[in-house]
Amino acid sequence: MSVPLRFLWLNHTAQSSI
């Protein structure tokens, strides 16, 4: 379950960056 968690974290950071 580490892969999906990382994907979610990356997505969250990407949205915050915008």
PDB file of N, CA and C in Angstrom:
ATOM      1  N   MET A   1       0.842  -1.201   0.000  1.00  0.00           N
ATOM      2  CA  MET A   1       0.000   0.000   0.000  1.00  0.00           C
ATOM      3  C   MET A   1       0.880   1.255   0.000  1.00  0.00           C
ATOM      4  N   SER A   2       2.146   1.071  -0.234  1.00  0.00           N
ATOM      5  CA  SER A   2       3.049   2.232  -0.232  1.00  0.00           C
ATOM      6  C   SER A   2       2.965   3.001  -1.547  1.00  0.00           C
ATOM      7  N   VAL A   3       2.799   2.248  -2.630  1.00  0.00           N
ATOM      8  CA  VAL A   3       2.767   2.904  -3.943  1.00  0.00           C
ATOM      9  C   VAL A   3       1.593   3.876  -4.054  1.00  0.00           C
ATOM     10  N   PRO A   4       0.368   3.430  -3.798  1.00  0.00           N
ATOM     11  CA  PRO A   4      -0.803   4.306  -3.897  1.00  0.00           C
ATOM     12  C   PRO A   4      -0.683   5.517  -2.979  1.00  0.00           C
ATOM     13  N   LEU A   5      -0.128   5.291  -1.786  1.00  0.00           N
ATOM     14  CA  LEU A   5       0.023   6.404  -0.839  1.00  0.00           C
ATOM     15  C   LEU A   5       0.949   7.463  -1.419  1.00  0.00           C
ATOM     16  N   ARG A   6       2.020   7.027  -2.032  1.00  0.00           N
ATOM     17  CA  ARG A   6       2.988   7.989  -2.593  1.00  0.00           C
ATOM     18  C   ARG A   6       2.328   8.766  -3.731  1.00  0.00           C
ATOM     19  N   PHE A   7       1.556   8.043  -4.545  1.00  0.00           N
ATOM     20  CA  PHE A   7       0.888   8.708  -5.666  1.00  0.00           C
ATOM     21  C   PHE A   7      -0.030   9.801  -5.159  1.00  0.00           C
ATOM     22  N   LEU A   8      -0.780   9.461  -4.096  1.00  0.00           N
ATOM     23  CA  LEU A   8      -1.722  10.443  -3.533  1.00  0.00           C
ATOM     24  C   LEU A   8      -0.953  11.646  -2.998  1.00  0.00           C
ATOM     25  N   TRP A   9       0.165  11.380  -2.326  1.00  0.00           N
ATOM     26  CA  TRP A   9       0.957  12.481  -1.762  1.00  0.00           C
ATOM     27  C   TRP A   9       1.482  13.394  -2.874  1.00  0.00           C
ATOM     28  N   LEU A  10       1.977  12.771  -3.944  1.00  0.00           N
ATOM     29  CA  LEU A  10       2.499  13.558  -5.063  1.00  0.00           C
ATOM     30  C   LEU A  10       1.388  14.402  -5.665  1.00  0.00           C
ATOM     31  N   ASN A  11       0.208  13.802  -5.824  1.00  0.00           N
ATOM     32  CA  ASN A  11      -0.915  14.540  -6.401  1.00  0.00           C
ATOM     33  C   ASN A  11      -1.277  15.718  -5.510  1.00  0.00           C
ATOM     34  N   HIS A  12      -1.288  15.502  -4.220  1.00  0.00           N
ATOM     35  CA  HIS A  12      -1.642  16.569  -3.281  1.00  0.00           C
ATOM     36  C   HIS A  12      -0.627  17.708  -3.362  1.00  0.00           C
ATOM     37  N   THR A  13       0.645  17.359  -3.408  1.00  0.00           N
ATOM     38  CA  THR A  13       1.691  18.383  -3.470  1.00  0.00           C
ATOM     39  C   THR A  13       1.599  19.146  -4.793  1.00  0.00           C
ATOM     40  N   ALA A  14       1.311  18.437  -5.859  1.00  0.00           N
ATOM     41  CA  ALA A  14       1.207  19.074  -7.180  1.00  0.00           C
ATOM     42  C   ALA A  14       0.074  20.101  -7.163  1.00  0.00           C
ATOM     43  N   GLN A  15      -1.057  19.740  -6.598  1.00  0.00           N
ATOM     44  CA  GLN A  15      -2.198  20.658  -6.558  1.00  0.00           C
ATOM     45  C   GLN A  15      -1.866  21.860  -5.673  1.00  0.00           C
ATOM     46  N   SER A  16      -1.149  21.614  -4.581  1.00  0.00           N
ATOM     47  CA  SER A  16      -0.801  22.711  -3.669  1.00  0.00           C
ATOM     48  C   SER A  16       0.175  23.672  -4.359  1.00  0.00           C
ATOM     49  N   SER A  17       1.031  23.125  -5.208  1.00  0.00           N
ATOM     50  CA  SER A  17       2.023  23.954  -5.900  1.00  0.00           C
ATOM     51  C   SER A  17       1.329  24.954  -6.825  1.00  0.00           C
ATOM     52  N   ILE A  18       0.276  24.498  -7.470  1.00  0.00           N
ATOM     53  CA  ILE A  18      -0.416  25.356  -8.440  1.00  0.00           C
ATOM     54  C   ILE A  18      -1.031  26.563  -7.730  1.00  0.00           C
TER      55      ILE A  18
END
